[in-house]
Protein backbone atom coordinates (compact mmCIF):
# COMPACT_ATOMS: atom_id res chain seq x y z
CA MET A 1 110.77 91.37 112.55
CA SER A 2 107.38 89.96 113.65
CA LYS A 3 104.75 87.66 112.28
CA LEU A 4 101.70 89.67 111.21
CA PHE A 5 98.59 88.88 109.47
CA PHE A 6 96.13 90.98 107.45
CA LEU A 7 92.49 90.26 107.11
CA LEU A 8 91.56 91.31 103.61
CA SER A 9 88.38 92.30 101.91
CA GLY A 10 86.56 89.60 99.82
CA GLU A 11 85.60 92.14 97.13
CA ASN A 12 88.13 90.99 94.55
CA PRO A 13 90.17 87.72 94.51
CA THR A 14 93.52 89.32 93.74
CA LEU A 15 93.52 93.10 94.40
CA PRO A 16 93.76 93.11 98.29
CA VAL A 17 96.84 90.88 98.48
CA SER A 18 98.66 92.99 95.85
CA GLU A 19 97.62 96.32 97.43
CA ALA A 20 98.98 95.20 100.90
CA LYS A 21 102.24 94.19 99.33
CA ALA A 22 102.51 97.37 97.24
CA ILE A 23 102.09 99.58 100.29
CA LEU A 24 104.89 97.89 102.15
CA GLU A 25 107.06 98.10 99.06
CA ALA A 26 106.26 101.73 98.30
CA GLU A 27 107.06 102.64 101.85
CA GLY A 28 110.19 100.69 102.01
CA TYR A 29 109.18 98.22 104.74
CA PRO A 30 111.13 94.86 104.42
CA TYR A 31 108.76 91.96 104.48
CA SER A 32 108.38 88.38 103.39
CA VAL A 33 105.20 86.48 102.64
CA ILE A 34 104.67 83.49 104.89
CA GLU A 35 101.39 82.30 103.34
CA LYS A 36 98.46 83.61 101.32
CA MET A 37 95.13 82.19 102.36
CA ASP A 38 91.52 83.04 101.56
CA GLN A 39 91.08 86.76 102.73
CA ILE A 40 94.37 86.36 104.89
CA LEU A 41 97.95 87.41 104.11
CA ARG A 42 100.48 86.19 106.58
CA VAL A 43 103.79 88.13 106.58
CA GLU A 44 106.96 88.76 108.48
CA SER A 45 107.74 92.42 108.77
CA THR A 46 108.06 95.21 111.42
CA VAL A 47 105.06 96.09 113.59
CA GLU A 48 105.59 99.78 112.60
CA CYS A 49 104.38 98.92 109.08
CA VAL A 50 100.87 98.62 110.42
CA LYS A 51 100.37 102.34 110.73
CA ILE A 52 101.10 103.02 107.21
CA VAL A 53 98.98 100.30 105.98
CA GLN A 54 96.22 101.66 108.07
CA LEU A 55 96.59 105.02 106.56
CA ARG A 56 96.73 103.84 102.86
CA THR A 57 94.76 100.67 102.43
CA ALA A 58 91.41 100.23 100.72
CA PHE A 59 91.09 96.52 100.97
CA THR A 60 92.69 95.51 104.27
CA LYS A 61 90.17 95.26 107.02
CA LEU A 62 92.32 94.30 110.06
CA CYS A 63 95.99 94.00 111.09
CA ALA A 64 97.12 91.63 113.85
CA LEU A 65 100.28 90.38 115.52
CA GLU A 66 100.21 86.56 114.82
CA LEU A 67 100.37 84.39 117.99
CA PHE A 68 99.70 81.02 116.51
CA VAL A 69 98.22 79.15 113.53
CA ALA A 70 96.38 75.86 114.21
CA GLU A 71 94.29 73.34 112.31
CA ALA A 72 90.58 74.36 112.64
CA ASN A 73 89.67 71.67 115.20
CA TYR A 74 89.39 71.79 118.98
CA ALA A 75 92.11 69.22 119.59
CA ASP A 76 94.75 71.01 117.61
CA ILE A 77 93.79 74.47 118.80
CA GLY A 78 93.92 73.19 122.29
CA LYS A 79 97.48 71.85 121.93
CA VAL A 80 98.73 74.99 120.20
CA VAL A 81 97.13 77.29 122.82
CA GLN A 82 98.93 75.40 125.56
CA GLU A 83 102.31 76.37 123.94
CA THR A 84 101.47 80.02 123.45
CA ASN A 85 102.68 82.44 126.10
CA PHE A 86 100.09 85.24 126.43
CA ARG A 87 102.11 86.99 129.15
CA ASP A 88 104.21 88.49 126.18
CA VAL A 89 101.20 90.56 125.13
CA LEU A 90 99.06 91.00 128.27
CA SER A 91 100.22 92.97 131.32
CA LEU A 92 99.02 92.80 134.90
CA GLY A 93 95.67 94.62 135.30
CA GLU A 94 94.84 94.72 131.56
CA SER A 95 91.47 93.48 130.19
CA PHE A 96 90.85 91.64 126.96
CA VAL A 97 88.30 89.98 124.81
CA VAL A 98 88.45 87.20 122.19
CA ARG A 99 86.69 87.48 118.86
CA ILE A 100 86.63 84.76 116.30
CA LYS A 101 85.53 85.47 112.70
CA ARG A 102 84.91 82.91 110.00
CA ILE A 103 85.63 83.50 106.32
CA LYS A 104 82.25 82.61 104.51
CA ASN A 105 83.76 79.98 102.36
CA TYR A 106 84.51 77.84 105.48
CA ALA A 107 81.03 77.97 107.21
CA ASP A 108 80.89 74.18 107.29
CA GLN A 109 83.86 73.96 109.63
CA ALA A 110 82.88 72.04 112.72
CA ILE A 111 83.66 74.89 115.28
CA ASN A 112 81.18 77.00 116.99
CA THR A 113 82.77 80.45 117.08
CA MET A 114 81.15 81.66 120.21
CA ASP A 115 82.14 78.37 122.07
CA LEU A 116 85.70 78.84 120.81
CA GLU A 117 85.75 82.52 122.13
CA VAL A 118 84.76 81.24 125.56
CA LYS A 119 87.23 78.42 125.64
CA LEU A 120 90.17 80.64 124.52
CA GLY A 121 89.19 83.33 126.87
CA ARG A 122 89.13 80.92 129.74
CA HIS A 123 92.56 79.55 128.82
CA ILE A 124 94.02 83.08 128.70
CA LEU A 125 92.55 83.97 132.14
CA GLU A 126 94.18 80.75 133.57
CA GLN A 127 97.59 81.38 131.98
CA THR A 128 97.85 85.02 132.87
CA PRO A 129 96.77 85.81 136.42
CA GLY A 130 95.86 89.34 137.10
CA VAL A 131 93.99 90.11 133.89
CA LYS A 132 90.26 90.16 133.29
CA VAL A 133 87.63 89.93 130.45
CA ASN A 134 85.91 93.07 129.26
CA LEU A 135 83.45 92.38 126.48
CA LYS A 136 82.63 96.07 125.66
CA HIS A 137 85.76 98.16 126.36
CA PRO A 138 88.90 95.88 126.48
CA ASP A 139 92.46 96.99 126.62
CA LYS A 140 93.50 94.26 124.20
CA THR A 141 91.46 92.34 121.58
CA PHE A 142 92.52 88.96 120.45
CA VAL A 143 91.14 87.84 117.02
CA GLY A 144 90.94 84.51 115.28
CA ILE A 145 90.12 84.05 111.68
CA ILE A 146 88.90 80.61 110.48
CA THR A 147 89.98 80.17 106.71
CA ASN A 148 91.53 77.39 104.62
CA GLY A 149 90.80 74.85 107.37
CA LYS A 150 93.01 76.68 109.87
CA LEU A 151 92.55 79.20 112.70
CA VAL A 152 94.92 82.19 112.43
CA PHE A 153 94.95 83.84 115.89
CA GLY A 154 96.67 86.99 117.13
CA LEU A 155 96.54 90.37 118.96
CA LYS A 156 94.58 92.91 116.96
CA LEU A 157 96.75 95.96 116.27
CA THR A 158 94.25 97.86 114.24
CA GLU A 159 90.86 97.57 112.51
CA LEU A 160 90.07 99.51 109.43
CA GLY A 161 86.62 100.53 108.51
CA SER A 162 85.21 101.28 105.15
CA LYS A 163 82.89 104.08 106.27
CA THR A 164 85.06 106.87 104.84
CA PHE A 165 85.20 105.30 101.46
CA SER A 166 81.41 104.85 101.41
CA GLU A 167 81.06 108.64 102.17
CA ARG A 168 83.11 109.29 99.09
CA ARG A 169 81.35 106.93 96.74
CA PRO A 170 80.39 108.44 93.37
CA ARG A 171 76.73 109.16 94.20
CA LYS A 172 77.81 110.93 97.42
CA LYS A 173 79.74 113.58 95.59
CA PRO A 174 78.02 116.77 94.51
CA PHE A 175 79.06 116.19 90.88
CA PHE A 176 78.17 112.68 89.70
CA HIS A 177 78.95 110.88 86.32
CA PRO A 178 78.01 107.17 85.73
CA SER A 179 81.55 106.27 84.67
CA ALA A 180 83.17 107.59 87.90
CA MET A 181 85.63 105.33 89.49
CA PRO A 182 84.59 103.98 92.97
CA SER A 183 86.80 105.65 95.77
CA LYS A 184 88.03 102.29 97.05
CA LEU A 185 89.21 101.10 93.61
CA ALA A 186 90.91 104.54 92.98
CA ARG A 187 92.85 104.24 96.31
CA CYS A 188 93.85 100.70 95.50
CA MET A 189 95.15 101.77 92.07
CA ILE A 190 97.15 104.55 93.65
CA ASN A 191 98.70 102.06 96.05
CA LEU A 192 99.53 99.69 93.16
CA ALA A 193 101.34 102.61 91.50
CA HIS A 194 103.85 102.62 94.44
CA VAL A 195 103.28 106.34 95.16
CA LYS A 196 104.71 107.89 98.26
CA ALA A 197 103.71 110.97 100.21
CA GLU A 198 104.92 114.18 98.54
CA ASP A 199 104.96 112.46 95.01
CA THR A 200 103.14 114.22 92.23
CA ILE A 201 100.46 111.91 90.73
CA LEU A 202 98.63 112.71 87.43
CA ASP A 203 95.24 111.45 86.29
CA PRO A 204 94.91 112.60 82.64
CA PHE A 205 91.19 111.55 82.69
CA CYS A 206 90.38 113.07 86.10
CA GLY A 207 86.58 112.96 85.56
CA THR A 208 84.92 113.48 88.81
CA GLY A 209 88.19 113.55 90.72
CA SER A 210 88.10 110.18 92.55
CA SER A 211 91.85 109.56 92.16
CA LEU A 212 92.85 113.06 92.99
CA ILE A 213 90.80 113.05 96.31
CA GLU A 214 92.18 109.55 97.30
CA ALA A 215 95.83 110.43 96.45
CA THR A 216 95.63 113.68 98.45
CA TYR A 217 94.38 111.79 101.58
CA ILE A 218 97.72 109.76 101.60
CA GLY A 219 99.84 112.94 101.19
CA CYS A 220 100.42 113.19 97.43
CA HIS A 221 100.37 116.21 95.27
CA THR A 222 97.84 115.89 92.46
CA LEU A 223 97.29 117.00 88.87
CA GLY A 224 94.28 116.27 86.78
CA THR A 225 93.31 116.98 83.25
CA ASP A 226 90.30 116.23 81.17
CA VAL A 227 89.28 117.24 77.59
CA ALA A 228 85.62 117.99 78.72
CA LYS A 229 85.09 121.40 80.24
CA ARG A 230 81.99 120.01 82.11
CA MET A 231 84.18 117.35 83.76
CA ILE A 232 86.72 119.83 84.82
CA LEU A 233 84.15 122.06 86.44
CA GLY A 234 82.49 119.05 88.09
CA CYS A 235 85.97 117.80 89.32
CA ARG A 236 86.79 121.18 90.91
CA GLU A 237 83.26 121.15 92.63
CA ASN A 238 83.98 117.72 94.15
CA LEU A 239 87.47 118.72 95.24
CA ARG A 240 86.03 121.85 96.97
CA PHE A 241 83.44 119.79 98.67
CA PHE A 242 86.14 117.57 100.25
CA ASN A 243 88.45 120.53 100.89
CA ILE A 244 91.05 119.16 98.46
CA ASN A 245 93.65 121.57 96.95
CA ALA A 246 95.22 120.10 93.81
CA LYS A 247 98.25 121.42 92.12
CA GLY A 248 96.15 121.89 89.07
CA VAL A 249 92.99 120.72 87.34
CA ILE A 250 93.43 121.61 83.65
CA LEU A 251 91.43 121.42 80.44
CA ALA A 252 93.71 119.32 78.15
CA ASP A 253 93.86 116.50 75.79
CA ALA A 254 95.39 113.47 77.47
CA ARG A 255 97.27 112.64 74.34
CA LYS A 256 99.10 116.08 74.31
CA LEU A 257 99.79 116.83 77.89
CA PRO A 258 101.44 120.10 78.94
CA PHE A 259 103.85 118.48 81.36
CA CYS A 260 107.48 117.42 81.20
CA LYS A 261 107.86 114.95 84.15
CA ILE A 262 105.43 113.17 86.60
CA ASP A 263 106.15 110.82 89.38
CA CYS A 264 103.38 108.41 88.68
CA ILE A 265 100.14 108.18 86.71
CA VAL A 266 96.77 106.55 87.77
CA THR A 267 93.96 106.77 85.32
CA ASP A 268 90.73 105.23 83.98
CA PRO A 269 90.38 106.31 80.31
CA PRO A 270 86.74 106.67 79.00
CA TYR A 271 85.11 103.75 77.42
CA GLY A 272 81.50 102.72 76.83
CA ARG A 273 78.32 104.59 76.06
CA SER A 274 78.54 107.20 78.86
CA ALA A 275 82.07 108.34 78.16
CA SER A 276 83.79 110.16 75.32
CA THR A 277 86.78 108.59 73.71
CA LEU A 278 88.04 111.82 71.88
CA LYS A 279 86.77 110.49 68.52
CA SER A 280 89.18 107.51 68.71
CA THR A 281 88.56 103.87 69.43
CA THR A 282 89.19 102.83 72.90
CA LYS A 283 92.31 100.99 71.88
CA GLU A 284 93.74 103.96 69.96
CA LEU A 285 93.14 106.15 72.98
CA VAL A 286 94.71 103.84 75.47
CA GLN A 287 97.74 103.37 73.25
CA SER A 288 98.17 107.10 72.87
CA VAL A 289 97.90 107.64 76.65
CA LEU A 290 100.52 104.85 77.35
CA GLU A 291 102.88 106.45 74.82
CA THR A 292 102.45 109.83 76.44
CA ALA A 293 102.90 108.28 79.89
CA TYR A 294 106.12 106.54 78.80
CA ASN A 295 107.61 110.00 77.99
CA LEU A 296 106.46 111.60 81.13
CA LEU A 297 107.56 108.99 83.66
CA THR A 298 111.06 108.50 84.81
CA GLU A 299 112.77 105.13 84.98
CA GLY A 300 111.50 102.91 87.84
CA HIS A 301 108.23 104.78 88.12
CA ARG A 302 104.78 103.39 87.33
CA ILE A 303 101.34 103.85 85.62
CA CYS A 304 98.27 102.06 86.92
CA ILE A 305 95.58 102.15 84.24
CA ALA A 306 92.12 100.56 83.93
CA SER A 307 90.55 99.42 80.64
CA PRO A 308 88.15 96.75 79.24
CA LYS A 309 89.47 93.32 79.67
CA THR A 310 88.80 92.76 75.98
CA LEU A 311 91.42 95.26 75.10
CA ASN A 312 94.35 93.03 76.22
CA ILE A 313 96.20 96.17 77.56
CA SER A 314 99.22 94.25 78.80
CA ILE A 315 100.16 93.59 75.10
CA ILE A 316 99.80 97.26 74.28
CA GLY A 317 101.85 98.41 77.21
CA THR A 318 104.75 96.07 76.59
CA SER A 319 104.81 96.89 72.89
CA ILE A 320 105.51 100.54 73.86
CA GLY A 321 108.41 99.55 76.09
CA PHE A 322 106.88 99.28 79.59
CA LYS A 323 107.41 96.32 81.86
CA HIS A 324 104.03 94.70 82.69
CA ILE A 325 104.07 94.24 86.60
CA GLU A 326 100.63 92.73 86.99
CA SER A 327 96.91 92.77 86.16
CA HIS A 328 93.76 92.33 88.06
CA PHE A 329 90.16 92.04 86.85
CA ALA A 330 87.16 93.72 88.35
CA TYR A 331 83.71 92.87 87.27
CA VAL A 332 81.48 95.79 86.55
CA HIS A 333 78.40 94.41 84.74
CA SER A 334 77.56 91.80 82.10
CA THR A 335 79.26 93.55 79.40
CA LEU A 336 82.22 95.10 81.15
CA THR A 337 85.10 93.69 83.16
CA ARG A 338 87.86 96.14 84.04
CA GLU A 339 91.46 95.17 83.71
CA ILE A 340 93.56 97.02 86.22
CA ALA A 341 97.13 96.94 84.76
CA VAL A 342 100.33 98.18 86.38
CA PHE A 343 103.31 99.06 84.12
CA GLU A 344 106.85 100.25 85.10
CA LYS A 345 109.33 102.21 83.04
CA GLU A 346 112.28 99.88 83.28
CA LEU A 347 115.69 101.03 84.43
CA LYS A 348 118.19 101.28 81.68
CA HIS A 349 121.46 99.35 82.20
């Protein structure tokens, strides 16, 4: 077990932490949380877990092997650096660079990041003879994050870009609908549902296919249904565009699904003026879908579902018999905040 830290996206206050933990849990990696900080999650786990986090995450920007944590002032950093053995992570002949990032909420911290990079680089050179600095193409990158009045410092293991998600945003797809789920949020919801590669995931309101595309990229089998023929045709067009082969994209009413068993469900039922709610109120529709989901899921399996915050979906889900695991809130516009709720069908004793 090693100390690791994840640099998280600041796009949502709670989703990034829960997503990182959900990935580790779904993939069976043992871990313990050391500390939650602003855009940093410090954990103890195996270094091997970083590869699967890199594959799956939407909201983790960087993973690093933690070397030290110090108060964000020159005196304390200098003291802790003296006690850190960089020979454990730098070999003779290797090159390195030091990069310091500051979380925006801590811009008033009395540390010049460029000055700190130079000071730390100089110390590493003095402590580890036979290494050199390379600013453009280093063998190793040390990264420090200033947050919550502290400097969290370590060896970068992987950095995760968001370019691929931006290439799959709703308006980049050949078939667009204004209610389409952003690709990042779809991927995060899939992770919160604890899916694993080879699981079969269902989206009963598949719409433009965001969840089916994102689930396929982490190795899942996918099924999608929608009651609108236009959406089914548009979803299939988007899947072809991204070379995605779903197990099925079917014209069907989400309240009467033609399936017996599903590993997990991730969905964003329609609500608002741009979407059809099957001549039901949003509350009636969500309740019907959760009842159907309860019958399709086996014990211990999950559904991650979005709905308007005003609906209080956690109450609806628990009244049906689900265990409410967690909820997160994502602002959309002045009249809509999504509640992203995760429910689990409890094991019977």
